[in-house]
Amino acid sequence: MTRAVGANPFHIDAPMNLEGQDFVGIAMPAHRQGWVDCYKVPTNVAIQALHAAHAFWVDAHPETPEQSDVRVISFDGDPNRPG
């Protein structure tokens, strides 16, 4: 999860505060209790996933388009859901 920034952080293509970095770290609980899986992801890959996931969210919630400056990637395993 990260925040969009800039003159209009609610715009679907607003830049994110992690841009300008080479990589981002992602950590999540592992399948084994007490373990954590960690990934080093190129920032451009993460940015594309965050933009795609936010666009999907905006399309799925037309009553509140572009009303969030939060960008989230979901790791739910659904191949039809971006991010």
C-alpha atoms as a PDB file:
ATOM      1  CA  MET A   1       0.000   0.000   0.000  1.00  0.00           C
ATOM      2  CA  THR A   2       1.206   3.482  -0.818  1.00  0.00           C
ATOM      3  CA  ARG A   3      -0.212   6.948  -1.312  1.00  0.00           C
ATOM      4  CA  ALA A   4      -0.608   8.940  -4.472  1.00  0.00           C
ATOM      5  CA  VAL A   5       0.907  12.420  -4.388  1.00  0.00           C
ATOM      6  CA  GLY A   6       1.055  15.540  -6.535  1.00  0.00           C
ATOM      7  CA  ALA A   7      -1.320  18.344  -7.439  1.00  0.00           C
ATOM      8  CA  ASN A   8      -4.287  15.937  -7.704  1.00  0.00           C
ATOM      9  CA  PRO A   9      -3.541  12.753  -5.730  1.00  0.00           C
ATOM     10  CA  PHE A  10      -7.057  11.467  -6.471  1.00  0.00           C
ATOM     11  CA  HIS A  11      -6.422  11.339 -10.228  1.00  0.00           C
ATOM     12  CA  ILE A  12      -6.156   7.788 -11.524  1.00  0.00           C
ATOM     13  CA  ASP A  13      -2.662   8.409 -12.962  1.00  0.00           C
ATOM     14  CA  ALA A  14      -1.301  10.425 -10.024  1.00  0.00           C
ATOM     15  CA  PRO A  15       2.319   9.644  -9.156  1.00  0.00           C
ATOM     16  CA  MET A  16       3.056   7.618  -6.042  1.00  0.00           C
ATOM     17  CA  ASN A  17       5.420   8.463  -3.224  1.00  0.00           C
ATOM     18  CA  LEU A  18       7.654   5.463  -3.959  1.00  0.00           C
ATOM     19  CA  GLU A  19       8.518   6.607  -7.490  1.00  0.00           C
ATOM     20  CA  GLY A  20      12.183   7.445  -7.961  1.00  0.00           C
ATOM     21  CA  GLN A  21      13.320   4.358  -6.044  1.00  0.00           C
ATOM     22  CA  ASP A  22      14.971   1.409  -7.801  1.00  0.00           C
ATOM     23  CA  PHE A  23      13.147  -1.312  -5.878  1.00  0.00           C
ATOM     24  CA  VAL A  24      10.406  -1.747  -3.299  1.00  0.00           C
ATOM     25  CA  GLY A  25      10.227  -4.418  -0.637  1.00  0.00           C
ATOM     26  CA  ILE A  26       7.102  -6.487  -0.148  1.00  0.00           C
ATOM     27  CA  ALA A  27       6.640  -8.693   2.915  1.00  0.00           C
ATOM     28  CA  MET A  28       3.681 -10.918   3.710  1.00  0.00           C
ATOM     29  CA  PRO A  29       2.911 -13.818   6.023  1.00  0.00           C
ATOM     30  CA  ALA A  30       4.153 -17.138   4.638  1.00  0.00           C
ATOM     31  CA  HIS A  31       2.209 -20.377   4.546  1.00  0.00           C
ATOM     32  CA  ARG A  32       4.345 -21.677   7.411  1.00  0.00           C
ATOM     33  CA  GLN A  33       3.303 -20.208  10.734  1.00  0.00           C
ATOM     34  CA  GLY A  34       5.765 -17.637  12.021  1.00  0.00           C
ATOM     35  CA  TRP A  35       7.508 -17.179   8.658  1.00  0.00           C
ATOM     36  CA  VAL A  36       7.463 -14.175   6.348  1.00  0.00           C
ATOM     37  CA  ASP A  37       7.962 -14.163   2.575  1.00  0.00           C
ATOM     38  CA  CYS A  38       9.871 -11.120   1.324  1.00  0.00           C
ATOM     39  CA  TYR A  39      10.279  -9.918  -2.250  1.00  0.00           C
ATOM     40  CA  LYS A  40      12.423  -7.256  -3.885  1.00  0.00           C
ATOM     41  CA  VAL A  41      10.374  -5.846  -6.784  1.00  0.00           C
ATOM     42  CA  PRO A  42      11.510  -3.324  -9.404  1.00  0.00           C
ATOM     43  CA  THR A  43       9.644  -0.089  -8.732  1.00  0.00           C
ATOM     44  CA  ASN A  44       8.369   0.206 -12.322  1.00  0.00           C
ATOM     45  CA  VAL A  45       6.699  -3.230 -11.990  1.00  0.00           C
ATOM     46  CA  ALA A  46       5.108  -2.236  -8.671  1.00  0.00           C
ATOM     47  CA  ILE A  47       3.914   1.100 -10.115  1.00  0.00           C
ATOM     48  CA  GLN A  48       2.246  -0.658 -13.074  1.00  0.00           C
ATOM     49  CA  ALA A  49       0.509  -3.097 -10.719  1.00  0.00           C
ATOM     50  CA  LEU A  50      -0.622  -0.298  -8.393  1.00  0.00           C
ATOM     51  CA  HIS A  51      -2.042   1.761 -11.287  1.00  0.00           C
ATOM     52  CA  ALA A  52      -3.829  -1.297 -12.724  1.00  0.00           C
ATOM     53  CA  ALA A  53      -5.293  -2.273  -9.350  1.00  0.00           C
ATOM     54  CA  HIS A  54      -6.507   1.281  -8.700  1.00  0.00           C
ATOM     55  CA  ALA A  55      -8.096   1.520 -12.171  1.00  0.00           C
ATOM     56  CA  PHE A  56      -9.851  -1.807 -11.471  1.00  0.00           C
ATOM     57  CA  TRP A  57     -11.111  -0.452  -8.137  1.00  0.00           C
ATOM     58  CA  VAL A  58     -12.397   2.771  -9.748  1.00  0.00           C
ATOM     59  CA  ASP A  59     -14.236   0.762 -12.417  1.00  0.00           C
ATOM     60  CA  ALA A  60     -15.743  -1.526  -9.774  1.00  0.00           C
ATOM     61  CA  HIS A  61     -16.934   1.429  -7.649  1.00  0.00           C
ATOM     62  CA  PRO A  62     -18.368   3.984 -10.101  1.00  0.00           C
ATOM     63  CA  GLU A  63     -20.261   5.760  -7.313  1.00  0.00           C
ATOM     64  CA  THR A  64     -16.957   6.937  -5.815  1.00  0.00           C
ATOM     65  CA  PRO A  65     -14.525   7.356  -8.717  1.00  0.00           C
ATOM     66  CA  GLU A  66     -11.056   8.648  -7.895  1.00  0.00           C
ATOM     67  CA  GLN A  67     -11.930   9.458  -4.286  1.00  0.00           C
ATOM     68  CA  SER A  68      -8.959   7.665  -2.775  1.00  0.00           C
ATOM     69  CA  ASP A  69      -5.280   8.565  -2.804  1.00  0.00           C
ATOM     70  CA  VAL A  70      -4.379   5.106  -1.463  1.00  0.00           C
ATOM     71  CA  ARG A  71      -3.015   2.522  -3.898  1.00  0.00           C
ATOM     72  CA  VAL A  72      -3.081  -1.150  -2.894  1.00  0.00           C
ATOM     73  CA  ILE A  73      -1.844  -4.376  -4.450  1.00  0.00           C
ATOM     74  CA  SER A  74      -3.863  -7.442  -3.523  1.00  0.00           C
ATOM     75  CA  PHE A  75      -2.237 -10.870  -3.315  1.00  0.00           C
ATOM     76  CA  ASP A  76      -5.425 -12.919  -3.434  1.00  0.00           C
ATOM     77  CA  GLY A  77      -4.388 -15.275  -6.240  1.00  0.00           C
ATOM     78  CA  ASP A  78      -7.204 -14.194  -8.587  1.00  0.00           C
ATOM     79  CA  PRO A  79      -5.604 -14.046 -12.066  1.00  0.00           C
ATOM     80  CA  ASN A  80      -8.496 -11.917 -13.364  1.00  0.00           C
ATOM     81  CA  ARG A  81      -7.932  -9.168 -10.837  1.00  0.00           C
ATOM     82  CA  PRO A  82      -5.054  -6.786 -11.514  1.00  0.00           C
ATOM     83  CA  GLY A  83      -2.591  -6.042  -8.754  1.00  0.00           C
END
